[in-house]
Amino acid sequence: MLSFFICSNSTMGPLDKTELVEYLRSFKLQNRLKVFDEVINMRTRYFTVVMENIKHSHNINAVLRSCECFGIQDLYLINDHTPFNLHKKIAKGSSKWLTLNKYEVQKEQNSVKALSDLKNRGYRIVATTPNPAAISIHDLDITCSPLAFVFGTELTGISSDVEKMANVFVTIPTVGFTQSLNISVSTALVLQIITDKMHKSAMDWALTNSEKTDLMLEWLRKSIPKVELIEKRFWSLRE
């Protein structure tokens, strides 16, 4: 946990945050900063992923890795039973760079609360299902509004709450006997398809400058040793 010398983003003005980011950047190698800049410029909140009551932690950790690789910044973890456990070997450090929103407190109505929050933020809810009546992920219109893709539990899929609240249902076309894919594979395929569409479009899908500053500050704080002391020095120099 960061010490009290770390000011929260909400207590700093835009100029303070920008100057602090520039100061912290001086403690990173230029080649690493180049990677930070390249990655943050490809990050998006236009799409997000919702994991509903995924039983096996290795599946959730594999999804985290896929989301980070495809530039999805926000994930929503709904769990009515067992809290999420990070598996470092599977996640490959991806959780360090992601924004995780957990709905584990209430034991019930977690799905309703999470999807309501997303709808209030302007997201359409896209429920993934192997039902052949759903539209193909290839035919999904991604231009109307931000989209939240919901993936349900391994055994039974999405809940009745998600079915009631979803705006659209999509499926990944398959031609085999099994007809359904592993949850982490499904997520990776969906993200590859939609982000490819996104990058080829003229949509404004990137983070705002303010979001980039906030996220860069978060990443720098997580990657610089003894950052608490460095920030203390920064604030003392401004007095």
C-alpha atoms as a PDB file:
ATOM      1  CA  MET A   1       0.000   0.000   0.000  1.00  0.00           C
ATOM      2  CA  LEU A   2       1.273   3.472  -0.827  1.00  0.00           C
ATOM      3  CA  SER A   3       2.049   5.711   2.127  1.00  0.00           C
ATOM      4  CA  PHE A   4       0.326   8.960   3.092  1.00  0.00           C
ATOM      5  CA  PHE A   5       2.849  10.880   0.984  1.00  0.00           C
ATOM      6  CA  ILE A   6       1.011   9.667  -2.115  1.00  0.00           C
ATOM      7  CA  CYS A   7      -1.716  12.187  -2.886  1.00  0.00           C
ATOM      8  CA  SER A   8      -4.891  10.759  -4.346  1.00  0.00           C
ATOM      9  CA  ASN A   9      -5.826  11.808  -7.870  1.00  0.00           C
ATOM     10  CA  SER A  10      -8.956  13.508  -6.548  1.00  0.00           C
ATOM     11  CA  THR A  11      -6.910  15.906  -4.367  1.00  0.00           C
ATOM     12  CA  MET A  12      -4.729  17.119  -7.231  1.00  0.00           C
ATOM     13  CA  GLY A  13      -5.596  19.549  -9.981  1.00  0.00           C
ATOM     14  CA  PRO A  14      -4.824  18.817 -13.651  1.00  0.00           C
ATOM     15  CA  LEU A  15      -1.606  20.870 -13.573  1.00  0.00           C
ATOM     16  CA  ASP A  16      -0.393  19.132 -10.400  1.00  0.00           C
ATOM     17  CA  LYS A  17      -0.950  15.702 -11.966  1.00  0.00           C
ATOM     18  CA  THR A  18       0.751  16.651 -15.222  1.00  0.00           C
ATOM     19  CA  GLU A  19       3.803  18.029 -13.411  1.00  0.00           C
ATOM     20  CA  LEU A  20       3.984  15.000 -11.110  1.00  0.00           C
ATOM     21  CA  VAL A  21       3.819  12.634 -14.078  1.00  0.00           C
ATOM     22  CA  GLU A  22       6.651  14.488 -15.798  1.00  0.00           C
ATOM     23  CA  TYR A  23       8.708  14.361 -12.602  1.00  0.00           C
ATOM     24  CA  LEU A  24       8.159  10.628 -12.142  1.00  0.00           C
ATOM     25  CA  ARG A  25       8.951   9.961 -15.800  1.00  0.00           C
ATOM     26  CA  SER A  26      12.484  11.223 -15.118  1.00  0.00           C
ATOM     27  CA  PHE A  27      13.014   8.117 -12.958  1.00  0.00           C
ATOM     28  CA  LYS A  28      12.302   5.701 -15.841  1.00  0.00           C
ATOM     29  CA  LEU A  29      14.571   4.725 -18.711  1.00  0.00           C
ATOM     30  CA  GLN A  30      13.688   6.260 -22.062  1.00  0.00           C
ATOM     31  CA  ASN A  31      13.119   2.918 -23.764  1.00  0.00           C
ATOM     32  CA  ARG A  32      10.667   1.925 -21.021  1.00  0.00           C
ATOM     33  CA  LEU A  33       8.863   5.264 -21.284  1.00  0.00           C
ATOM     34  CA  LYS A  34       8.515   4.692 -25.012  1.00  0.00           C
ATOM     35  CA  VAL A  35       6.716   1.415 -24.278  1.00  0.00           C
ATOM     36  CA  PHE A  36       4.452   3.135 -21.715  1.00  0.00           C
ATOM     37  CA  ASP A  37       3.508   5.804 -24.279  1.00  0.00           C
ATOM     38  CA  GLU A  38       2.862   3.288 -27.039  1.00  0.00           C
ATOM     39  CA  VAL A  39       0.675   1.117 -24.817  1.00  0.00           C
ATOM     40  CA  ILE A  40      -1.372   3.936 -23.296  1.00  0.00           C
ATOM     41  CA  ASN A  41      -2.120   5.354 -26.745  1.00  0.00           C
ATOM     42  CA  MET A  42      -3.713   2.022 -27.692  1.00  0.00           C
ATOM     43  CA  ARG A  43      -5.771   1.672 -24.513  1.00  0.00           C
ATOM     44  CA  THR A  44      -9.557   1.930 -24.697  1.00  0.00           C
ATOM     45  CA  ARG A  45     -12.582   2.143 -22.456  1.00  0.00           C
ATOM     46  CA  TYR A  46     -14.942   1.978 -25.419  1.00  0.00           C
ATOM     47  CA  PHE A  47     -15.128  -1.765 -24.787  1.00  0.00           C
ATOM     48  CA  THR A  48     -15.095  -3.480 -21.422  1.00  0.00           C
ATOM     49  CA  VAL A  49     -15.376  -7.085 -20.246  1.00  0.00           C
ATOM     50  CA  VAL A  50     -17.625  -8.450 -17.503  1.00  0.00           C
ATOM     51  CA  MET A  51     -16.896 -11.828 -15.914  1.00  0.00           C
ATOM     52  CA  GLU A  52     -19.933 -13.261 -14.132  1.00  0.00           C
ATOM     53  CA  ASN A  53     -19.322 -15.945 -11.502  1.00  0.00           C
ATOM     54  CA  ILE A  54     -16.434 -17.640 -13.289  1.00  0.00           C
ATOM     55  CA  LYS A  55     -15.652 -20.702 -11.186  1.00  0.00           C
ATOM     56  CA  HIS A  56     -12.048 -21.434 -12.093  1.00  0.00           C
ATOM     57  CA  SER A  57      -9.532 -18.737 -11.215  1.00  0.00           C
ATOM     58  CA  HIS A  58      -7.179 -19.795 -14.032  1.00  0.00           C
ATOM     59  CA  ASN A  59      -9.885 -18.807 -16.523  1.00  0.00           C
ATOM     60  CA  ILE A  60     -10.274 -15.343 -15.003  1.00  0.00           C
ATOM     61  CA  ASN A  61      -6.510 -14.841 -14.946  1.00  0.00           C
ATOM     62  CA  ALA A  62      -6.263 -15.890 -18.589  1.00  0.00           C
ATOM     63  CA  VAL A  63      -8.977 -13.340 -19.427  1.00  0.00           C
ATOM     64  CA  LEU A  64      -7.018 -10.606 -17.635  1.00  0.00           C
ATOM     65  CA  ARG A  65      -4.025 -11.428 -19.793  1.00  0.00           C
ATOM     66  CA  SER A  66      -6.088 -11.296 -23.003  1.00  0.00           C
ATOM     67  CA  CYS A  67      -7.698  -7.983 -22.057  1.00  0.00           C
ATOM     68  CA  GLU A  68      -4.327  -6.403 -21.348  1.00  0.00           C
ATOM     69  CA  CYS A  69      -2.896  -7.707 -24.620  1.00  0.00           C
ATOM     70  CA  PHE A  70      -5.798  -6.284 -26.655  1.00  0.00           C
ATOM     71  CA  GLY A  71      -5.798  -2.883 -24.919  1.00  0.00           C
ATOM     72  CA  ILE A  72      -8.980  -3.230 -22.835  1.00  0.00           C
ATOM     73  CA  GLN A  73      -8.422  -1.145 -19.689  1.00  0.00           C
ATOM     74  CA  ASP A  74     -11.467  -1.930 -17.515  1.00  0.00           C
ATOM     75  CA  LEU A  75     -12.739  -5.289 -16.299  1.00  0.00           C
ATOM     76  CA  TYR A  76     -15.751  -6.010 -14.116  1.00  0.00           C
ATOM     77  CA  LEU A  77     -15.552  -9.076 -11.889  1.00  0.00           C
ATOM     78  CA  ILE A  78     -18.872 -10.345 -10.524  1.00  0.00           C
ATOM     79  CA  ASN A  79     -18.591 -13.089  -7.928  1.00  0.00           C
ATOM     80  CA  ASP A  80     -21.401 -14.180  -5.646  1.00  0.00           C
ATOM     81  CA  HIS A  81     -19.408 -17.022  -4.119  1.00  0.00           C
ATOM     82  CA  THR A  82     -15.594 -17.028  -4.039  1.00  0.00           C
ATOM     83  CA  PRO A  83     -13.544 -13.807  -4.242  1.00  0.00           C
ATOM     84  CA  PHE A  84     -11.146 -13.512  -7.155  1.00  0.00           C
ATOM     85  CA  ASN A  85      -7.617 -14.831  -6.591  1.00  0.00           C
ATOM     86  CA  LEU A  86      -4.736 -13.585  -8.718  1.00  0.00           C
ATOM     87  CA  HIS A  87      -2.592 -16.299 -10.329  1.00  0.00           C
ATOM     88  CA  LYS A  88       0.666 -14.578 -11.250  1.00  0.00           C
ATOM     89  CA  LYS A  89       1.971 -17.250 -13.635  1.00  0.00           C
ATOM     90  CA  ILE A  90      -1.215 -17.244 -15.716  1.00  0.00           C
ATOM     91  CA  ALA A  91      -1.989 -13.516 -15.553  1.00  0.00           C
ATOM     92  CA  LYS A  92       1.679 -12.698 -16.370  1.00  0.00           C
ATOM     93  CA  GLY A  93       1.493  -9.430 -14.415  1.00  0.00           C
ATOM     94  CA  SER A  94      -1.439  -8.140 -16.488  1.00  0.00           C
ATOM     95  CA  SER A  95      -3.524  -7.114 -13.465  1.00  0.00           C
ATOM     96  CA  LYS A  96      -0.882  -4.489 -12.608  1.00  0.00           C
ATOM     97  CA  TRP A  97      -1.848  -2.492 -15.694  1.00  0.00           C
ATOM     98  CA  LEU A  98      -5.630  -2.992 -15.628  1.00  0.00           C
ATOM     99  CA  THR A  99      -8.512  -1.337 -13.779  1.00  0.00           C
ATOM    100  CA  LEU A 100     -10.455  -4.053 -11.940  1.00  0.00           C
ATOM    101  CA  ASN A 101     -13.967  -3.312 -10.700  1.00  0.00           C
ATOM    102  CA  LYS A 102     -15.133  -5.988  -8.267  1.00  0.00           C
ATOM    103  CA  TYR A 103     -18.733  -6.773  -7.320  1.00  0.00           C
ATOM    104  CA  GLU A 104     -18.254  -9.304  -4.534  1.00  0.00           C
ATOM    105  CA  VAL A 105     -19.692  -7.611  -1.487  1.00  0.00           C
ATOM    106  CA  GLN A 106     -23.437  -8.096  -1.777  1.00  0.00           C
ATOM    107  CA  LYS A 107     -23.773 -11.896  -2.258  1.00  0.00           C
ATOM    108  CA  GLU A 108     -26.842 -11.266  -4.383  1.00  0.00           C
ATOM    109  CA  GLN A 109     -27.891  -8.781  -7.048  1.00  0.00           C
ATOM    110  CA  ASN A 110     -24.216  -8.287  -7.905  1.00  0.00           C
ATOM    111  CA  SER A 111     -24.963  -8.758 -11.608  1.00  0.00           C
ATOM    112  CA  VAL A 112     -27.860  -6.304 -11.526  1.00  0.00           C
ATOM    113  CA  LYS A 113     -25.729  -3.716  -9.738  1.00  0.00           C
ATOM    114  CA  ALA A 114     -22.778  -4.108 -12.109  1.00  0.00           C
ATOM    115  CA  LEU A 115     -24.861  -3.959 -15.290  1.00  0.00           C
ATOM    116  CA  SER A 116     -26.891  -1.022 -13.971  1.00  0.00           C
ATOM    117  CA  ASP A 117     -23.672   0.871 -13.274  1.00  0.00           C
ATOM    118  CA  LEU A 118     -22.439   0.134 -16.791  1.00  0.00           C
ATOM    119  CA  LYS A 119     -25.714   1.230 -18.391  1.00  0.00           C
ATOM    120  CA  ASN A 120     -25.569   4.464 -16.388  1.00  0.00           C
ATOM    121  CA  ARG A 121     -22.127   5.049 -17.904  1.00  0.00           C
ATOM    122  CA  GLY A 122     -23.543   4.686 -21.394  1.00  0.00           C
ATOM    123  CA  TYR A 123     -22.622   1.071 -22.165  1.00  0.00           C
ATOM    124  CA  ARG A 124     -24.770  -1.340 -24.143  1.00  0.00           C
ATOM    125  CA  ILE A 125     -24.748  -4.794 -22.559  1.00  0.00           C
ATOM    126  CA  VAL A 126     -23.635  -7.536 -24.951  1.00  0.00           C
ATOM    127  CA  ALA A 127     -24.276 -11.033 -23.593  1.00  0.00           C
ATOM    128  CA  THR A 128     -22.219 -13.856 -25.085  1.00  0.00           C
ATOM    129  CA  THR A 129     -24.017 -17.159 -25.614  1.00  0.00           C
ATOM    130  CA  PRO A 130     -23.641 -20.294 -27.778  1.00  0.00           C
ATOM    131  CA  ASN A 131     -27.330 -19.975 -28.730  1.00  0.00           C
ATOM    132  CA  PRO A 132     -27.515 -20.105 -32.551  1.00  0.00           C
ATOM    133  CA  ALA A 133     -30.330 -17.519 -32.434  1.00  0.00           C
ATOM    134  CA  ALA A 134     -27.840 -14.889 -31.284  1.00  0.00           C
ATOM    135  CA  ILE A 135     -26.124 -12.768 -33.918  1.00  0.00           C
ATOM    136  CA  SER A 136     -22.585 -13.578 -34.967  1.00  0.00           C
ATOM    137  CA  ILE A 137     -19.885 -11.521 -33.276  1.00  0.00           C
ATOM    138  CA  HIS A 138     -18.718 -10.679 -36.801  1.00  0.00           C
ATOM    139  CA  ASP A 139     -22.054  -8.921 -37.487  1.00  0.00           C
ATOM    140  CA  LEU A 140     -22.144  -6.849 -34.296  1.00  0.00           C
ATOM    141  CA  ASP A 141     -22.409  -3.091 -34.848  1.00  0.00           C
ATOM    142  CA  ILE A 142     -19.758  -1.522 -32.627  1.00  0.00           C
ATOM    143  CA  THR A 143     -20.349   2.092 -33.665  1.00  0.00           C
ATOM    144  CA  CYS A 144     -23.594   2.894 -31.784  1.00  0.00           C
ATOM    145  CA  SER A 145     -22.210   3.174 -28.256  1.00  0.00           C
ATOM    146  CA  PRO A 146     -19.596   1.733 -25.883  1.00  0.00           C
ATOM    147  CA  LEU A 147     -20.062  -2.009 -25.333  1.00  0.00           C
ATOM    148  CA  ALA A 148     -19.753  -4.215 -22.246  1.00  0.00           C
ATOM    149  CA  PHE A 149     -19.257  -7.893 -23.116  1.00  0.00           C
ATOM    150  CA  VAL A 150     -20.593 -10.277 -20.460  1.00  0.00           C
ATOM    151  CA  PHE A 151     -19.200 -13.802 -20.167  1.00  0.00           C
ATOM    152  CA  GLY A 152     -21.028 -16.194 -17.846  1.00  0.00           C
ATOM    153  CA  THR A 153     -19.991 -19.112 -15.688  1.00  0.00           C
ATOM    154  CA  GLU A 154     -18.336 -22.125 -17.309  1.00  0.00           C
ATOM    155  CA  LEU A 155     -21.184 -24.584 -16.715  1.00  0.00           C
ATOM    156  CA  THR A 156     -24.413 -22.675 -17.319  1.00  0.00           C
ATOM    157  CA  GLY A 157     -23.339 -19.429 -18.988  1.00  0.00           C
ATOM    158  CA  ILE A 158     -24.933 -16.054 -18.283  1.00  0.00           C
ATOM    159  CA  SER A 159     -27.508 -15.679 -15.501  1.00  0.00           C
ATOM    160  CA  SER A 160     -31.195 -14.847 -15.877  1.00  0.00           C
ATOM    161  CA  ASP A 161     -30.389 -11.313 -14.635  1.00  0.00           C
ATOM    162  CA  VAL A 162     -27.985 -10.815 -17.537  1.00  0.00           C
ATOM    163  CA  GLU A 163     -30.521 -12.258 -19.976  1.00  0.00           C
ATOM    164  CA  LYS A 164     -33.103  -9.713 -18.800  1.00  0.00           C
ATOM    165  CA  MET A 165     -30.730  -6.738 -18.885  1.00  0.00           C
ATOM    166  CA  ALA A 166     -28.772  -7.471 -22.069  1.00  0.00           C
ATOM    167  CA  ASN A 167     -29.276  -5.209 -25.072  1.00  0.00           C
ATOM    168  CA  VAL A 168     -27.955  -7.726 -27.598  1.00  0.00           C
ATOM    169  CA  PHE A 169     -26.840 -11.371 -27.688  1.00  0.00           C
ATOM    170  CA  VAL A 170     -23.839 -12.541 -29.689  1.00  0.00           C
ATOM    171  CA  THR A 171     -22.225 -15.875 -30.418  1.00  0.00           C
ATOM    172  CA  ILE A 172     -18.965 -17.099 -31.918  1.00  0.00           C
ATOM    173  CA  PRO A 173     -19.791 -19.297 -34.912  1.00  0.00           C
ATOM    174  CA  THR A 174     -18.432 -22.855 -34.649  1.00  0.00           C
ATOM    175  CA  VAL A 175     -18.758 -25.939 -36.873  1.00  0.00           C
ATOM    176  CA  GLY A 176     -17.820 -28.780 -34.517  1.00  0.00           C
ATOM    177  CA  PHE A 177     -19.821 -31.152 -32.289  1.00  0.00           C
ATOM    178  CA  THR A 178     -18.852 -29.363 -29.061  1.00  0.00           C
ATOM    179  CA  GLN A 179     -20.456 -26.038 -30.044  1.00  0.00           C
ATOM    180  CA  SER A 180     -18.941 -24.053 -27.165  1.00  0.00           C
ATOM    181  CA  LEU A 181     -15.480 -22.727 -26.371  1.00  0.00           C
ATOM    182  CA  ASN A 182     -13.569 -22.355 -23.139  1.00  0.00           C
ATOM    183  CA  ILE A 183     -14.400 -19.018 -21.502  1.00  0.00           C
ATOM    184  CA  SER A 184     -10.870 -17.632 -21.818  1.00  0.00           C
ATOM    185  CA  VAL A 185     -10.668 -18.674 -25.478  1.00  0.00           C
ATOM    186  CA  SER A 186     -14.083 -17.112 -26.171  1.00  0.00           C
ATOM    187  CA  THR A 187     -12.990 -13.843 -24.610  1.00  0.00           C
ATOM    188  CA  ALA A 188      -9.751 -13.725 -26.578  1.00  0.00           C
ATOM    189  CA  LEU A 189     -11.573 -14.381 -29.870  1.00  0.00           C
ATOM    190  CA  VAL A 190     -14.223 -11.730 -29.173  1.00  0.00           C
ATOM    191  CA  LEU A 191     -11.593  -9.157 -28.228  1.00  0.00           C
ATOM    192  CA  GLN A 192      -9.500  -9.901 -31.299  1.00  0.00           C
ATOM    193  CA  ILE A 193     -12.512  -9.461 -33.582  1.00  0.00           C
ATOM    194  CA  ILE A 194     -13.892  -6.278 -32.026  1.00  0.00           C
ATOM    195  CA  THR A 195     -10.563  -4.517 -31.530  1.00  0.00           C
ATOM    196  CA  ASP A 196      -9.623  -5.273 -35.120  1.00  0.00           C
ATOM    197  CA  LYS A 197     -12.910  -3.636 -36.206  1.00  0.00           C
ATOM    198  CA  MET A 198     -12.252  -0.740 -33.867  1.00  0.00           C
ATOM    199  CA  HIS A 199      -8.751  -0.023 -35.163  1.00  0.00           C
ATOM    200  CA  LYS A 200     -10.023  -0.048 -38.752  1.00  0.00           C
ATOM    201  CA  SER A 201     -12.853   2.366 -37.925  1.00  0.00           C
ATOM    202  CA  ALA A 202     -12.981   6.145 -37.585  1.00  0.00           C
ATOM    203  CA  MET A 203     -14.435   5.936 -34.069  1.00  0.00           C
ATOM    204  CA  ASP A 204     -13.046   7.970 -31.192  1.00  0.00           C
ATOM    205  CA  TRP A 205     -12.122   4.978 -29.047  1.00  0.00           C
ATOM    206  CA  ALA A 206      -8.925   6.196 -27.350  1.00  0.00           C
ATOM    207  CA  LEU A 207      -8.609   7.474 -23.793  1.00  0.00           C
ATOM    208  CA  THR A 208      -8.969  11.198 -23.215  1.00  0.00           C
ATOM    209  CA  ASN A 209      -5.862  13.201 -22.300  1.00  0.00           C
ATOM    210  CA  SER A 210      -7.109  13.417 -18.723  1.00  0.00           C
ATOM    211  CA  GLU A 211      -7.602   9.646 -18.562  1.00  0.00           C
ATOM    212  CA  LYS A 212      -4.127   9.089 -19.987  1.00  0.00           C
ATOM    213  CA  THR A 213      -2.587  11.356 -17.355  1.00  0.00           C
ATOM    214  CA  ASP A 214      -4.399   9.557 -14.519  1.00  0.00           C
ATOM    215  CA  LEU A 215      -3.474   6.138 -15.865  1.00  0.00           C
ATOM    216  CA  MET A 216       0.139   7.078 -16.550  1.00  0.00           C
ATOM    217  CA  LEU A 217       0.437   8.320 -12.975  1.00  0.00           C
ATOM    218  CA  GLU A 218      -0.955   5.020 -11.712  1.00  0.00           C
ATOM    219  CA  TRP A 219       1.442   2.985 -13.858  1.00  0.00           C
ATOM    220  CA  LEU A 220       4.470   5.037 -12.846  1.00  0.00           C
ATOM    221  CA  ARG A 221       3.582   4.706  -9.176  1.00  0.00           C
ATOM    222  CA  LYS A 222       3.353   0.932  -9.565  1.00  0.00           C
ATOM    223  CA  SER A 223       6.659   0.584 -11.385  1.00  0.00           C
ATOM    224  CA  ILE A 224       9.055   2.959  -9.599  1.00  0.00           C
ATOM    225  CA  PRO A 225      10.821   1.662  -6.465  1.00  0.00           C
ATOM    226  CA  LYS A 226      10.379   3.778  -3.327  1.00  0.00           C
ATOM    227  CA  VAL A 227       7.963   6.036  -5.169  1.00  0.00           C
ATOM    228  CA  GLU A 228       6.568   7.346  -1.861  1.00  0.00           C
ATOM    229  CA  LEU A 229       9.885   9.021  -1.046  1.00  0.00           C
ATOM    230  CA  ILE A 230      10.198  10.374  -4.577  1.00  0.00           C
ATOM    231  CA  GLU A 231       6.754  11.955  -4.390  1.00  0.00           C
ATOM    232  CA  LYS A 232       7.535  13.407  -0.976  1.00  0.00           C
ATOM    233  CA  ARG A 233      10.576  15.089  -2.547  1.00  0.00           C
ATOM    234  CA  PHE A 234       8.445  16.386  -5.427  1.00  0.00           C
ATOM    235  CA  TRP A 235       5.939  18.060  -3.095  1.00  0.00           C
ATOM    236  CA  SER A 236       8.696  19.502  -0.894  1.00  0.00           C
ATOM    237  CA  LEU A 237      10.300  21.126  -3.943  1.00  0.00           C
ATOM    238  CA  ARG A 238       6.992  22.843  -4.734  1.00  0.00           C
ATOM    239  CA  GLU A 239       6.594  24.387  -1.290  1.00  0.00           C
END
